[in-house]
Amino acid sequence: MTRIDGFLDVWDFYYRQNEVAYSQKISDSPLTSIQINQDKAAIGDAEGTVSIMQLCKPLYETTPREKEVMQTIFEREARREKNLWLTNKLEKEAAEKAKAPTGKPKEDPEQLAKEKEADMKN
């Protein structure tokens, strides 16, 4: 992932899903693009400079079960996101029902005043 502060962050979700595996300062300018081809990465910055990095094997070669494990991770996260969306939707619907009128007709203030005046006369 390229960053505006000139750093390149490399994530390896197979080993760590919640933190950067490797971070490297590439430029003093914001990084704007990256192209990866096998063991090389070309990183461009806002000034037009392109830096080439050699990647280590674990970042571009997969282990025998890596694809299967990553597919399982992505499916789990998709289910989790769907459940969060559904929970959020149900909570919103419950909140709307709580705000909805109870079915009683709205009382007309003028009508209430007339009824109160009539009661006072009697």
PDB file of N, CA and C in Angstrom:
ATOM      1  N   MET A   1       0.854  -1.154   0.000  1.00  0.00           N
ATOM      2  CA  MET A   1       0.000   0.000   0.000  1.00  0.00           C
ATOM      3  C   MET A   1       0.910   1.229   0.000  1.00  0.00           C
ATOM      4  N   THR A   2       0.627   2.172  -0.900  1.00  0.00           N
ATOM      5  CA  THR A   2       1.403   3.407  -0.928  1.00  0.00           C
ATOM      6  C   THR A   2       0.739   4.430  -0.021  1.00  0.00           C
ATOM      7  N   ARG A   3       1.565   5.277   0.593  1.00  0.00           N
ATOM      8  CA  ARG A   3       1.033   6.261   1.534  1.00  0.00           C
ATOM      9  C   ARG A   3       1.428   7.669   1.121  1.00  0.00           C
ATOM     10  N   ILE A   4       0.667   8.624   1.591  1.00  0.00           N
ATOM     11  CA  ILE A   4       0.889  10.024   1.268  1.00  0.00           C
ATOM     12  C   ILE A   4       2.159  10.578   1.921  1.00  0.00           C
ATOM     13  N   ASP A   5       2.645   9.912   2.975  1.00  0.00           N
ATOM     14  CA  ASP A   5       3.858  10.378   3.654  1.00  0.00           C
ATOM     15  C   ASP A   5       5.129   9.774   3.059  1.00  0.00           C
ATOM     16  N   GLY A   6       5.009   9.083   1.905  1.00  0.00           N
ATOM     17  CA  GLY A   6       6.176   8.544   1.220  1.00  0.00           C
ATOM     18  C   GLY A   6       6.575   7.151   1.644  1.00  0.00           C
ATOM     19  N   PHE A   7       5.806   6.537   2.531  1.00  0.00           N
ATOM     20  CA  PHE A   7       6.100   5.180   2.965  1.00  0.00           C
ATOM     21  C   PHE A   7       5.333   4.166   2.126  1.00  0.00           C
ATOM     22  N   LEU A   8       5.922   2.993   1.987  1.00  0.00           N
ATOM     23  CA  LEU A   8       5.276   1.839   1.380  1.00  0.00           C
ATOM     24  C   LEU A   8       5.016   0.847   2.503  1.00  0.00           C
ATOM     25  N   ASP A   9       3.777   0.422   2.661  1.00  0.00           N
ATOM     26  CA  ASP A   9       3.421  -0.590   3.652  1.00  0.00           C
ATOM     27  C   ASP A   9       3.127  -1.896   2.931  1.00  0.00           C
ATOM     28  N   VAL A  10       3.713  -2.974   3.418  1.00  0.00           N
ATOM     29  CA  VAL A  10       3.463  -4.297   2.859  1.00  0.00           C
ATOM     30  C   VAL A  10       2.698  -5.097   3.900  1.00  0.00           C
ATOM     31  N   TRP A  11       1.555  -5.622   3.490  1.00  0.00           N
ATOM     32  CA  TRP A  11       0.721  -6.440   4.365  1.00  0.00           C
ATOM     33  C   TRP A  11       0.830  -7.894   3.920  1.00  0.00           C
ATOM     34  N   ASP A  12       0.897  -8.794   4.851  1.00  0.00           N
ATOM     35  CA  ASP A  12       0.885 -10.214   4.556  1.00  0.00           C
ATOM     36  C   ASP A  12      -0.232 -10.832   5.388  1.00  0.00           C
ATOM     37  N   PHE A  13      -1.433 -10.864   4.810  1.00  0.00           N
ATOM     38  CA  PHE A  13      -2.608 -11.327   5.539  1.00  0.00           C
ATOM     39  C   PHE A  13      -2.526 -12.796   5.934  1.00  0.00           C
ATOM     40  N   TYR A  14      -1.703 -13.552   5.253  1.00  0.00           N
ATOM     41  CA  TYR A  14      -1.564 -14.965   5.593  1.00  0.00           C
ATOM     42  C   TYR A  14      -0.963 -15.125   6.989  1.00  0.00           C
ATOM     43  N   TYR A  15      -0.027 -14.259   7.341  1.00  0.00           N
ATOM     44  CA  TYR A  15       0.636 -14.347   8.644  1.00  0.00           C
ATOM     45  C   TYR A  15       0.077 -13.379   9.678  1.00  0.00           C
ATOM     46  N   ARG A  16      -0.236 -12.152   9.253  1.00  0.00           N
ATOM     47  CA  ARG A  16      -0.748 -11.132  10.183  1.00  0.00           C
ATOM     48  C   ARG A  16      -1.813 -10.321   9.473  1.00  0.00           C
ATOM     49  N   GLN A  17      -3.024 -10.317  10.035  1.00  0.00           N
ATOM     50  CA  GLN A  17      -4.120  -9.606   9.391  1.00  0.00           C
ATOM     51  C   GLN A  17      -4.349  -8.219   9.977  1.00  0.00           C
ATOM     52  N   ASN A  18      -3.789  -7.951  11.129  1.00  0.00           N
ATOM     53  CA  ASN A  18      -4.108  -6.691  11.797  1.00  0.00           C
ATOM     54  C   ASN A  18      -2.924  -5.734  11.918  1.00  0.00           C
ATOM     55  N   GLU A  19      -1.814  -6.042  11.270  1.00  0.00           N
ATOM     56  CA  GLU A  19      -0.694  -5.100  11.306  1.00  0.00           C
ATOM     57  C   GLU A  19       0.192  -5.261  10.074  1.00  0.00           C
ATOM     58  N   VAL A  20       0.894  -4.203   9.779  1.00  0.00           N
ATOM     59  CA  VAL A  20       1.785  -4.157   8.625  1.00  0.00           C
ATOM     60  C   VAL A  20       2.949  -5.125   8.844  1.00  0.00           C
ATOM     61  N   ALA A  21       3.280  -5.883   7.799  1.00  0.00           N
ATOM     62  CA  ALA A  21       4.403  -6.820   7.893  1.00  0.00           C
ATOM     63  C   ALA A  21       5.738  -6.104   7.684  1.00  0.00           C
ATOM     64  N   TYR A  22       5.720  -5.071   6.832  1.00  0.00           N
ATOM     65  CA  TYR A  22       6.957  -4.360   6.511  1.00  0.00           C
ATOM     66  C   TYR A  22       6.602  -2.957   6.047  1.00  0.00           C
ATOM     67  N   SER A  23       7.358  -1.956   6.500  1.00  0.00           N
ATOM     68  CA  SER A  23       7.144  -0.575   6.106  1.00  0.00           C
ATOM     69  C   SER A  23       8.485   0.033   5.711  1.00  0.00           C
ATOM     70  N   GLN A  24       8.508   0.758   4.605  1.00  0.00           N
ATOM     71  CA  GLN A  24       9.765   1.328   4.103  1.00  0.00           C
ATOM     72  C   GLN A  24       9.524   2.732   3.566  1.00  0.00           C
ATOM     73  N   LYS A  25      10.374   3.678   3.971  1.00  0.00           N
ATOM     74  CA  LYS A  25      10.320   5.038   3.430  1.00  0.00           C
ATOM     75  C   LYS A  25      10.907   4.984   2.018  1.00  0.00           C
ATOM     76  N   ILE A  26      10.128   5.414   1.030  1.00  0.00           N
ATOM     77  CA  ILE A  26      10.552   5.368  -0.363  1.00  0.00           C
ATOM     78  C   ILE A  26      10.889   6.763  -0.874  1.00  0.00           C
ATOM     79  N   SER A  27      10.116   7.760  -0.433  1.00  0.00           N
ATOM     80  CA  SER A  27      10.265   9.105  -0.976  1.00  0.00           C
ATOM     81  C   SER A  27       9.831  10.138   0.052  1.00  0.00           C
ATOM     82  N   ASP A  28      10.257  11.380  -0.166  1.00  0.00           N
ATOM     83  CA  ASP A  28       9.759  12.486   0.654  1.00  0.00           C
ATOM     84  C   ASP A  28       8.437  13.005   0.105  1.00  0.00           C
ATOM     85  N   SER A  29       8.086  12.596  -1.102  1.00  0.00           N
ATOM     86  CA  SER A  29       6.822  12.983  -1.744  1.00  0.00           C
ATOM     87  C   SER A  29       5.783  11.882  -1.545  1.00  0.00           C
ATOM     88  N   PRO A  30       4.502  12.230  -1.694  1.00  0.00           N
ATOM     89  CA  PRO A  30       3.456  11.204  -1.589  1.00  0.00           C
ATOM     90  C   PRO A  30       3.644  10.123  -2.655  1.00  0.00           C
ATOM     91  N   LEU A  31       3.471   8.880  -2.260  1.00  0.00           N
ATOM     92  CA  LEU A  31       3.516   7.788  -3.222  1.00  0.00           C
ATOM     93  C   LEU A  31       2.164   7.712  -3.917  1.00  0.00           C
ATOM     94  N   THR A  32       2.191   7.582  -5.234  1.00  0.00           N
ATOM     95  CA  THR A  32       0.948   7.652  -6.001  1.00  0.00           C
ATOM     96  C   THR A  32       0.605   6.384  -6.748  1.00  0.00           C
ATOM     97  N   SER A  33       1.588   5.491  -6.953  1.00  0.00           N
ATOM     98  CA  SER A  33       1.282   4.279  -7.721  1.00  0.00           C
ATOM     99  C   SER A  33       2.257   3.164  -7.377  1.00  0.00           C
ATOM    100  N   ILE A  34       1.812   1.964  -7.677  1.00  0.00           N
ATOM    101  CA  ILE A  34       2.671   0.795  -7.488  1.00  0.00           C
ATOM    102  C   ILE A  34       2.296  -0.240  -8.540  1.00  0.00           C
ATOM    103  N   GLN A  35       3.300  -0.882  -9.089  1.00  0.00           N
ATOM    104  CA  GLN A  35       3.096  -1.972 -10.040  1.00  0.00           C
ATOM    105  C   GLN A  35       4.021  -3.110  -9.629  1.00  0.00           C
ATOM    106  N   ILE A  36       3.455  -4.287  -9.465  1.00  0.00           N
ATOM    107  CA  ILE A  36       4.248  -5.434  -9.032  1.00  0.00           C
ATOM    108  C   ILE A  36       4.306  -6.445 -10.167  1.00  0.00           C
ATOM    109  N   ASN A  37       5.510  -6.927 -10.435  1.00  0.00           N
ATOM    110  CA  ASN A  37       5.715  -7.945 -11.458  1.00  0.00           C
ATOM    111  C   ASN A  37       6.664  -8.983 -10.891  1.00  0.00           C
ATOM    112  N   GLN A  38       6.087 -10.103 -10.460  1.00  0.00           N
ATOM    113  CA  GLN A  38       6.851 -11.213  -9.880  1.00  0.00           C
ATOM    114  C   GLN A  38       7.651 -10.733  -8.675  1.00  0.00           C
ATOM    115  N   ASP A  39       8.978 -10.608  -8.755  1.00  0.00           N
ATOM    116  CA  ASP A  39       9.792 -10.269  -7.587  1.00  0.00           C
ATOM    117  C   ASP A  39      10.216  -8.802  -7.545  1.00  0.00           C
ATOM    118  N   LYS A  40       9.650  -7.970  -8.409  1.00  0.00           N
ATOM    119  CA  LYS A  40       9.991  -6.542  -8.446  1.00  0.00           C
ATOM    120  C   LYS A  40       8.737  -5.689  -8.237  1.00  0.00           C
ATOM    121  N   ALA A  41       8.921  -4.552  -7.563  1.00  0.00           N
ATOM    122  CA  ALA A  41       7.842  -3.590  -7.386  1.00  0.00           C
ATOM    123  C   ALA A  41       8.343  -2.229  -7.852  1.00  0.00           C
ATOM    124  N   ALA A  42       7.582  -1.583  -8.724  1.00  0.00           N
ATOM    125  CA  ALA A  42       7.888  -0.223  -9.169  1.00  0.00           C
ATOM    126  C   ALA A  42       6.932   0.707  -8.435  1.00  0.00           C
ATOM    127  N   ILE A  43       7.492   1.686  -7.708  1.00  0.00           N
ATOM    128  CA  ILE A  43       6.690   2.600  -6.894  1.00  0.00           C
ATOM    129  C   ILE A  43       6.911   4.013  -7.401  1.00  0.00           C
ATOM    130  N   GLY A  44       5.822   4.683  -7.768  1.00  0.00           N
ATOM    131  CA  GLY A  44       5.913   6.045  -8.279  1.00  0.00           C
ATOM    132  C   GLY A  44       5.470   7.052  -7.243  1.00  0.00           C
ATOM    133  N   ASP A  45       6.107   8.241  -7.267  1.00  0.00           N
ATOM    134  CA  ASP A  45       5.699   9.298  -6.332  1.00  0.00           C
ATOM    135  C   ASP A  45       5.129  10.494  -7.097  1.00  0.00           C
ATOM    136  N   ALA A  46       4.668  11.486  -6.351  1.00  0.00           N
ATOM    137  CA  ALA A  46       4.015  12.651  -6.937  1.00  0.00           C
ATOM    138  C   ALA A  46       4.963  13.523  -7.758  1.00  0.00           C
ATOM    139  N   GLU A  47       6.257  13.376  -7.560  1.00  0.00           N
ATOM    140  CA  GLU A  47       7.250  14.153  -8.308  1.00  0.00           C
ATOM    141  C   GLU A  47       7.636  13.481  -9.627  1.00  0.00           C
ATOM    142  N   GLY A  48       7.127  12.279  -9.872  1.00  0.00           N
ATOM    143  CA  GLY A  48       7.442  11.565 -11.103  1.00  0.00           C
ATOM    144  C   GLY A  48       8.608  10.598 -10.983  1.00  0.00           C
ATOM    145  N   THR A  49       9.140  10.430  -9.790  1.00  0.00           N
ATOM    146  CA  THR A  49      10.244   9.493  -9.576  1.00  0.00           C
ATOM    147  C   THR A  49       9.683   8.090  -9.404  1.00  0.00           C
ATOM    148  N   VAL A  50      10.342   7.125 -10.048  1.00  0.00           N
ATOM    149  CA  VAL A  50       9.950   5.725  -9.905  1.00  0.00           C
ATOM    150  C   VAL A  50      11.096   4.982  -9.227  1.00  0.00           C
ATOM    151  N   SER A  51      10.769   4.293  -8.148  1.00  0.00           N
ATOM    152  CA  SER A  51      11.755   3.488  -7.426  1.00  0.00           C
ATOM    153  C   SER A  51      11.433   2.023  -7.669  1.00  0.00           C
ATOM    154  N   ILE A  52      12.475   1.215  -7.859  1.00  0.00           N
ATOM    155  CA  ILE A  52      12.301  -0.220  -8.066  1.00  0.00           C
ATOM    156  C   ILE A  52      12.804  -0.953  -6.826  1.00  0.00           C
ATOM    157  N   MET A  53      11.973  -1.860  -6.316  1.00  0.00           N
ATOM    158  CA  MET A  53      12.351  -2.664  -5.147  1.00  0.00           C
ATOM    159  C   MET A  53      12.333  -4.138  -5.519  1.00  0.00           C
ATOM    160  N   GLN A  54      13.270  -4.864  -4.999  1.00  0.00           N
ATOM    161  CA  GLN A  54      13.272  -6.328  -5.133  1.00  0.00           C
ATOM    162  C   GLN A  54      12.524  -6.879  -3.931  1.00  0.00           C
ATOM    163  N   LEU A  55      11.560  -7.744  -4.175  1.00  0.00           N
ATOM    164  CA  LEU A  55      10.769  -8.333  -3.101  1.00  0.00           C
ATOM    165  C   LEU A  55      11.359  -9.668  -2.666  1.00  0.00           C
ATOM    166  N   CYS A  56      11.217  -9.982  -1.399  1.00  0.00           N
ATOM    167  CA  CYS A  56      11.684 -11.283  -0.913  1.00  0.00           C
ATOM    168  C   CYS A  56      10.667 -12.361  -1.315  1.00  0.00           C
ATOM    169  N   LYS A  57      11.128 -13.588  -1.429  1.00  0.00           N
ATOM    170  CA  LYS A  57      10.293 -14.689  -1.933  1.00  0.00           C
ATOM    171  C   LYS A  57       8.962 -14.867  -1.202  1.00  0.00           C
ATOM    172  N   PRO A  58       8.917 -14.781   0.134  1.00  0.00           N
ATOM    173  CA  PRO A  58       7.619 -14.982   0.798  1.00  0.00           C
ATOM    174  C   PRO A  58       6.544 -13.970   0.372  1.00  0.00           C
ATOM    175  N   LEU A  59       6.937 -12.838  -0.191  1.00  0.00           N
ATOM    176  CA  LEU A  59       5.947 -11.845  -0.614  1.00  0.00           C
ATOM    177  C   LEU A  59       5.386 -12.107  -2.007  1.00  0.00           C
ATOM    178  N   TYR A  60       6.030 -12.941  -2.791  1.00  0.00           N
ATOM    179  CA  TYR A  60       5.494 -13.196  -4.127  1.00  0.00           C
ATOM    180  C   TYR A  60       5.306 -14.675  -4.462  1.00  0.00           C
ATOM    181  N   GLU A  61       5.808 -15.587  -3.627  1.00  0.00           N
ATOM    182  CA  GLU A  61       5.569 -17.009  -3.833  1.00  0.00           C
ATOM    183  C   GLU A  61       4.599 -17.499  -2.767  1.00  0.00           C
ATOM    184  N   THR A  62       3.619 -18.281  -3.186  1.00  0.00           N
ATOM    185  CA  THR A  62       2.644 -18.795  -2.233  1.00  0.00           C
ATOM    186  C   THR A  62       3.082 -20.146  -1.687  1.00  0.00           C
ATOM    187  N   THR A  63       2.664 -20.412  -0.469  1.00  0.00           N
ATOM    188  CA  THR A  63       2.919 -21.716   0.138  1.00  0.00           C
ATOM    189  C   THR A  63       1.850 -22.685  -0.384  1.00  0.00           C
ATOM    190  N   PRO A  64       2.025 -23.984  -0.200  1.00  0.00           N
ATOM    191  CA  PRO A  64       1.068 -24.956  -0.753  1.00  0.00           C
ATOM    192  C   PRO A  64      -0.392 -24.726  -0.342  1.00  0.00           C
ATOM    193  N   ARG A  65      -0.657 -24.344   0.893  1.00  0.00           N
ATOM    194  CA  ARG A  65      -2.052 -24.170   1.354  1.00  0.00           C
ATOM    195  C   ARG A  65      -2.486 -22.711   1.435  1.00  0.00           C
ATOM    196  N   GLU A  66      -1.648 -21.781   1.043  1.00  0.00           N
ATOM    197  CA  GLU A  66      -1.933 -20.361   1.236  1.00  0.00           C
ATOM    198  C   GLU A  66      -3.215 -19.918   0.536  1.00  0.00           C
ATOM    199  N   LYS A  67      -3.427 -20.326  -0.708  1.00  0.00           N
ATOM    200  CA  LYS A  67      -4.644 -19.923  -1.425  1.00  0.00           C
ATOM    201  C   LYS A  67      -5.896 -20.424  -0.715  1.00  0.00           C
ATOM    202  N   GLU A  68      -5.865 -21.660  -0.267  1.00  0.00           N
ATOM    203  CA  GLU A  68      -7.008 -22.253   0.429  1.00  0.00           C
ATOM    204  C   GLU A  68      -7.295 -21.516   1.739  1.00  0.00           C
ATOM    205  N   VAL A  69      -6.257 -21.246   2.497  1.00  0.00           N
ATOM    206  CA  VAL A  69      -6.418 -20.550   3.771  1.00  0.00           C
ATOM    207  C   VAL A  69      -6.938 -19.131   3.544  1.00  0.00           C
ATOM    208  N   MET A  70      -6.387 -18.435   2.552  1.00  0.00           N
ATOM    209  CA  MET A  70      -6.826 -17.064   2.269  1.00  0.00           C
ATOM    210  C   MET A  70      -8.282 -17.048   1.806  1.00  0.00           C
ATOM    211  N   GLN A  71      -8.690 -18.028   1.012  1.00  0.00           N
ATOM    212  CA  GLN A  71     -10.087 -18.118   0.578  1.00  0.00           C
ATOM    213  C   GLN A  71     -11.001 -18.272   1.789  1.00  0.00           C
ATOM    214  N   THR A  72     -10.602 -19.103   2.738  1.00  0.00           N
ATOM    215  CA  THR A  72     -11.374 -19.301   3.968  1.00  0.00           C
ATOM    216  C   THR A  72     -11.470 -17.997   4.757  1.00  0.00           C
ATOM    217  N   ILE A  73     -10.364 -17.272   4.849  1.00  0.00           N
ATOM    218  CA  ILE A  73     -10.352 -15.984   5.560  1.00  0.00           C
ATOM    219  C   ILE A  73     -11.305 -15.004   4.888  1.00  0.00           C
ATOM    220  N   PHE A  74     -11.243 -14.884   3.558  1.00  0.00           N
ATOM    221  CA  PHE A  74     -12.109 -13.946   2.840  1.00  0.00           C
ATOM    222  C   PHE A  74     -13.585 -14.324   2.975  1.00  0.00           C
ATOM    223  N   GLU A  75     -13.893 -15.616   2.922  1.00  0.00           N
ATOM    224  CA  GLU A  75     -15.279 -16.053   3.100  1.00  0.00           C
ATOM    225  C   GLU A  75     -15.780 -15.739   4.501  1.00  0.00           C
ATOM    226  N   ARG A  76     -14.931 -15.974   5.512  1.00  0.00           N
ATOM    227  CA  ARG A  76     -15.310 -15.667   6.896  1.00  0.00           C
ATOM    228  C   ARG A  76     -15.582 -14.171   7.061  1.00  0.00           C
ATOM    229  N   GLU A  77     -14.713 -13.350   6.498  1.00  0.00           N
ATOM    230  CA  GLU A  77     -14.887 -11.903   6.609  1.00  0.00           C
ATOM    231  C   GLU A  77     -16.129 -11.428   5.851  1.00  0.00           C
ATOM    232  N   ALA A  78     -16.429 -12.056   4.712  1.00  0.00           N
ATOM    233  CA  ALA A  78     -17.642 -11.695   3.962  1.00  0.00           C
ATOM    234  C   ALA A  78     -18.885 -12.028   4.787  1.00  0.00           C
ATOM    235  N   ARG A  79     -18.896 -13.202   5.447  1.00  0.00           N
ATOM    236  CA  ARG A  79     -20.019 -13.561   6.319  1.00  0.00           C
ATOM    237  C   ARG A  79     -20.129 -12.583   7.489  1.00  0.00           C
ATOM    238  N   ARG A  80     -18.998 -12.239   8.067  1.00  0.00           N
ATOM    239  CA  ARG A  80     -18.978 -11.297   9.192  1.00  0.00           C
ATOM    240  C   ARG A  80     -19.547  -9.940   8.772  1.00  0.00           C
ATOM    241  N   GLU A  81     -19.128  -9.463   7.609  1.00  0.00           N
ATOM    242  CA  GLU A  81     -19.629  -8.176   7.117  1.00  0.00           C
ATOM    243  C   GLU A  81     -21.133  -8.238   6.860  1.00  0.00           C
ATOM    244  N   LYS A  82     -21.597  -9.347   6.288  1.00  0.00           N
ATOM    245  CA  LYS A  82     -23.027  -9.515   6.034  1.00  0.00           C
ATOM    246  C   LYS A  82     -23.802  -9.522   7.345  1.00  0.00           C
ATOM    247  N   ASN A  83     -23.284 -10.223   8.366  1.00  0.00           N
ATOM    248  CA  ASN A  83     -23.943 -10.260   9.673  1.00  0.00           C
ATOM    249  C   ASN A  83     -23.979  -8.880  10.316  1.00  0.00           C
ATOM    250  N   LEU A  84     -22.889  -8.127  10.203  1.00  0.00           N
ATOM    251  CA  LEU A  84     -22.865  -6.771  10.761  1.00  0.00           C
ATOM    252  C   LEU A  84     -23.883  -5.880  10.051  1.00  0.00           C
ATOM    253  N   TRP A  85     -23.969  -6.023   8.726  1.00  0.00           N
ATOM    254  CA  TRP A  85     -24.926  -5.232   7.956  1.00  0.00           C
ATOM    255  C   TRP A  85     -26.350  -5.568   8.388  1.00  0.00           C
ATOM    256  N   LEU A  86     -26.637  -6.878   8.515  1.00  0.00           N
ATOM    257  CA  LEU A  86     -27.972  -7.312   8.901  1.00  0.00           C
ATOM    258  C   LEU A  86     -28.320  -6.838  10.316  1.00  0.00           C
ATOM    259  N   THR A  87     -27.374  -6.948  11.236  1.00  0.00           N
ATOM    260  CA  THR A  87     -27.592  -6.479  12.608  1.00  0.00           C
ATOM    261  C   THR A  87     -27.893  -4.987  12.623  1.00  0.00           C
ATOM    262  N   ASN A  88     -27.118  -4.223  11.868  1.00  0.00           N
ATOM    263  CA  ASN A  88     -27.329  -2.778  11.781  1.00  0.00           C
ATOM    264  C   ASN A  88     -28.711  -2.465  11.219  1.00  0.00           C
ATOM    265  N   LYS A  89     -29.107  -3.190  10.185  1.00  0.00           N
ATOM    266  CA  LYS A  89     -30.422  -2.977   9.571  1.00  0.00           C
ATOM    267  C   LYS A  89     -31.534  -3.274  10.563  1.00  0.00           C
ATOM    268  N   LEU A  90     -31.423  -4.398  11.295  1.00  0.00           N
ATOM    269  CA  LEU A  90     -32.444  -4.761  12.277  1.00  0.00           C
ATOM    270  C   LEU A  90     -32.524  -3.742  13.413  1.00  0.00           C
ATOM    271  N   GLU A  91     -31.372  -3.224  13.839  1.00  0.00           N
ATOM    272  CA  GLU A  91     -31.373  -2.201  14.891  1.00  0.00           C
ATOM    273  C   GLU A  91     -32.054  -0.926  14.408  1.00  0.00           C
ATOM    274  N   LYS A  92     -31.812  -0.544  13.166  1.00  0.00           N
ATOM    275  CA  LYS A  92     -32.465   0.650  12.611  1.00  0.00           C
ATOM    276  C   LYS A  92     -33.975   0.450  12.521  1.00  0.00           C
ATOM    277  N   GLU A  93     -34.395  -0.733  12.071  1.00  0.00           N
ATOM    278  CA  GLU A  93     -35.833  -1.017  11.978  1.00  0.00           C
ATOM    279  C   GLU A  93     -36.486  -0.987  13.358  1.00  0.00           C
ATOM    280  N   ALA A  94     -35.815  -1.531  14.355  1.00  0.00           N
ATOM    281  CA  ALA A  94     -36.352  -1.525  15.716  1.00  0.00           C
ATOM    282  C   ALA A  94     -36.470  -0.096  16.240  1.00  0.00           C
ATOM    283  N   ALA A  95     -35.467   0.730  15.943  1.00  0.00           N
ATOM    284  CA  ALA A  95     -35.509   2.127  16.380  1.00  0.00           C
ATOM    285  C   ALA A  95     -36.644   2.879  15.685  1.00  0.00           C
ATOM    286  N   GLU A  96     -36.870   2.591  14.411  1.00  0.00           N
ATOM    287  CA  GLU A  96     -37.967   3.243  13.679  1.00  0.00           C
ATOM    288  C   GLU A  96     -39.323   2.825  14.235  1.00  0.00           C
ATOM    289  N   LYS A  97     -39.455   1.537  14.578  1.00  0.00           N
ATOM    290  CA  LYS A  97     -40.712   1.064  15.154  1.00  0.00           C
ATOM    291  C   LYS A  97     -40.973   1.719  16.501  1.00  0.00           C
ATOM    292  N   ALA A  98     -39.912   1.931  17.268  1.00  0.00           N
ATOM    293  CA  ALA A  98     -40.067   2.568  18.584  1.00  0.00           C
ATOM    294  C   ALA A  98     -40.527   4.010  18.441  1.00  0.00           C
ATOM    295  N   LYS A  99     -40.131   4.668  17.360  1.00  0.00           N
ATOM    296  CA  LYS A  99     -40.531   6.057  17.127  1.00  0.00           C
ATOM    297  C   LYS A  99     -41.901   6.167  16.466  1.00  0.00           C
ATOM    298  N   ALA A 100     -42.379   5.093  15.843  1.00  0.00           N
ATOM    299  CA  ALA A 100     -43.631   5.120  15.084  1.00  0.00           C
ATOM    300  C   ALA A 100     -44.816   5.347  16.021  1.00  0.00           C
ATOM    301  N   PRO A 101     -45.890   5.971  15.488  1.00  0.00           N
ATOM    302  CA  PRO A 101     -47.097   6.180  16.304  1.00  0.00           C
ATOM    303  C   PRO A 101     -47.695   4.841  16.730  1.00  0.00           C
ATOM    304  N   THR A 102     -48.415   4.861  17.845  1.00  0.00           N
ATOM    305  CA  THR A 102     -48.961   3.628  18.421  1.00  0.00           C
ATOM    306  C   THR A 102     -50.281   3.227  17.803  1.00  0.00           C
ATOM    307  N   GLY A 103     -50.783   3.976  16.876  1.00  0.00           N
ATOM    308  CA  GLY A 103     -52.059   3.639  16.253  1.00  0.00           C
ATOM    309  C   GLY A 103     -53.205   4.471  16.803  1.00  0.00           C
ATOM    310  N   LYS A 104     -52.972   5.209  17.883  1.00  0.00           N
ATOM    311  CA  LYS A 104     -54.010   6.084  18.439  1.00  0.00           C
ATOM    312  C   LYS A 104     -54.130   7.304  17.545  1.00  0.00           C
ATOM    313  N   PRO A 105     -55.364   7.774  17.327  1.00  0.00           N
ATOM    314  CA  PRO A 105     -55.502   8.992  16.516  1.00  0.00           C
ATOM    315  C   PRO A 105     -54.884  10.177  17.245  1.00  0.00           C
ATOM    316  N   LYS A 106     -54.297  11.058  16.470  1.00  0.00           N
ATOM    317  CA  LYS A 106     -53.701  12.254  17.062  1.00  0.00           C
ATOM    318  C   LYS A 106     -54.804  13.143  17.613  1.00  0.00           C
ATOM    319  N   GLU A 107     -54.540  13.711  18.766  1.00  0.00           N
ATOM    320  CA  GLU A 107     -55.527  14.577  19.399  1.00  0.00           C
ATOM    321  C   GLU A 107     -55.412  15.982  18.839  1.00  0.00           C
ATOM    322  N   ASP A 108     -56.559  16.549  18.488  1.00  0.00           N
ATOM    323  CA  ASP A 108     -56.620  17.900  17.941  1.00  0.00           C
ATOM    324  C   ASP A 108     -56.686  18.886  19.109  1.00  0.00           C
ATOM    325  N   PRO A 109     -55.694  19.780  19.228  1.00  0.00           N
ATOM    326  CA  PRO A 109     -55.691  20.713  20.363  1.00  0.00           C
ATOM    327  C   PRO A 109     -56.942  21.581  20.420  1.00  0.00           C
ATOM    328  N   GLU A 110     -57.472  21.986  19.262  1.00  0.00           N
ATOM    329  CA  GLU A 110     -58.683  22.818  19.251  1.00  0.00           C
ATOM    330  C   GLU A 110     -59.874  22.024  19.783  1.00  0.00           C
ATOM    331  N   GLN A 111     -59.961  20.780  19.373  1.00  0.00           N
ATOM    332  CA  GLN A 111     -61.055  19.930  19.838  1.00  0.00           C
ATOM    333  C   GLN A 111     -60.956  19.714  21.340  1.00  0.00           C
ATOM    334  N   LEU A 112     -59.751  19.513  21.870  1.00  0.00           N
ATOM    335  CA  LEU A 112     -59.566  19.335  23.308  1.00  0.00           C
ATOM    336  C   LEU A 112     -59.995  20.584  24.066  1.00  0.00           C
ATOM    337  N   ALA A 113     -59.659  21.749  23.532  1.00  0.00           N
ATOM    338  CA  ALA A 113     -60.034  23.011  24.182  1.00  0.00           C
ATOM    339  C   ALA A 113     -61.552  23.169  24.219  1.00  0.00           C
ATOM    340  N   LYS A 114     -62.224  22.819  23.111  1.00  0.00           N
ATOM    341  CA  LYS A 114     -63.690  22.914  23.065  1.00  0.00           C
ATOM    342  C   LYS A 114     -64.326  21.960  24.078  1.00  0.00           C
ATOM    343  N   GLU A 115     -63.796  20.727  24.160  1.00  0.00           N
ATOM    344  CA  GLU A 115     -64.332  19.747  25.109  1.00  0.00           C
ATOM    345  C   GLU A 115     -64.130  20.215  26.550  1.00  0.00           C
ATOM    346  N   LYS A 116     -62.970  20.816  26.833  1.00  0.00           N
ATOM    347  CA  LYS A 116     -62.690  21.290  28.176  1.00  0.00           C
ATOM    348  C   LYS A 116     -63.635  22.443  28.536  1.00  0.00           C
ATOM    349  N   GLU A 117     -63.880  23.329  27.562  1.00  0.00           N
ATOM    350  CA  GLU A 117     -64.791  24.458  27.776  1.00  0.00           C
ATOM    351  C   GLU A 117     -66.225  23.954  28.024  1.00  0.00           C
ATOM    352  N   ALA A 118     -66.629  22.942  27.283  1.00  0.00           N
ATOM    353  CA  ALA A 118     -67.981  22.382  27.435  1.00  0.00           C
ATOM    354  C   ALA A 118     -68.116  21.746  28.826  1.00  0.00           C
ATOM    355  N   ASP A 119     -67.066  21.053  29.282  1.00  0.00           N
ATOM    356  CA  ASP A 119     -67.106  20.418  30.599  1.00  0.00           C
ATOM    357  C   ASP A 119     -67.200  21.464  31.710  1.00  0.00           C
ATOM    358  N   MET A 120     -66.529  22.588  31.496  1.00  0.00           N
ATOM    359  CA  MET A 120     -66.547  23.635  32.515  1.00  0.00           C
ATOM    360  C   MET A 120     -67.935  24.297  32.609  1.00  0.00           C
ATOM    361  N   LYS A 121     -68.671  24.345  31.501  1.00  0.00           N
ATOM    362  CA  LYS A 121     -70.016  24.931  31.499  1.00  0.00           C
ATOM    363  C   LYS A 121     -71.002  24.027  32.198  1.00  0.00           C
ATOM    364  N   ASN A 122     -70.764  22.736  32.131  1.00  0.00           N
ATOM    365  CA  ASN A 122     -71.711  21.778  32.732  1.00  0.00           C
ATOM    366  C   ASN A 122     -71.429  21.621  34.151  1.00  0.00           C
TER     367      ASN A 122
END
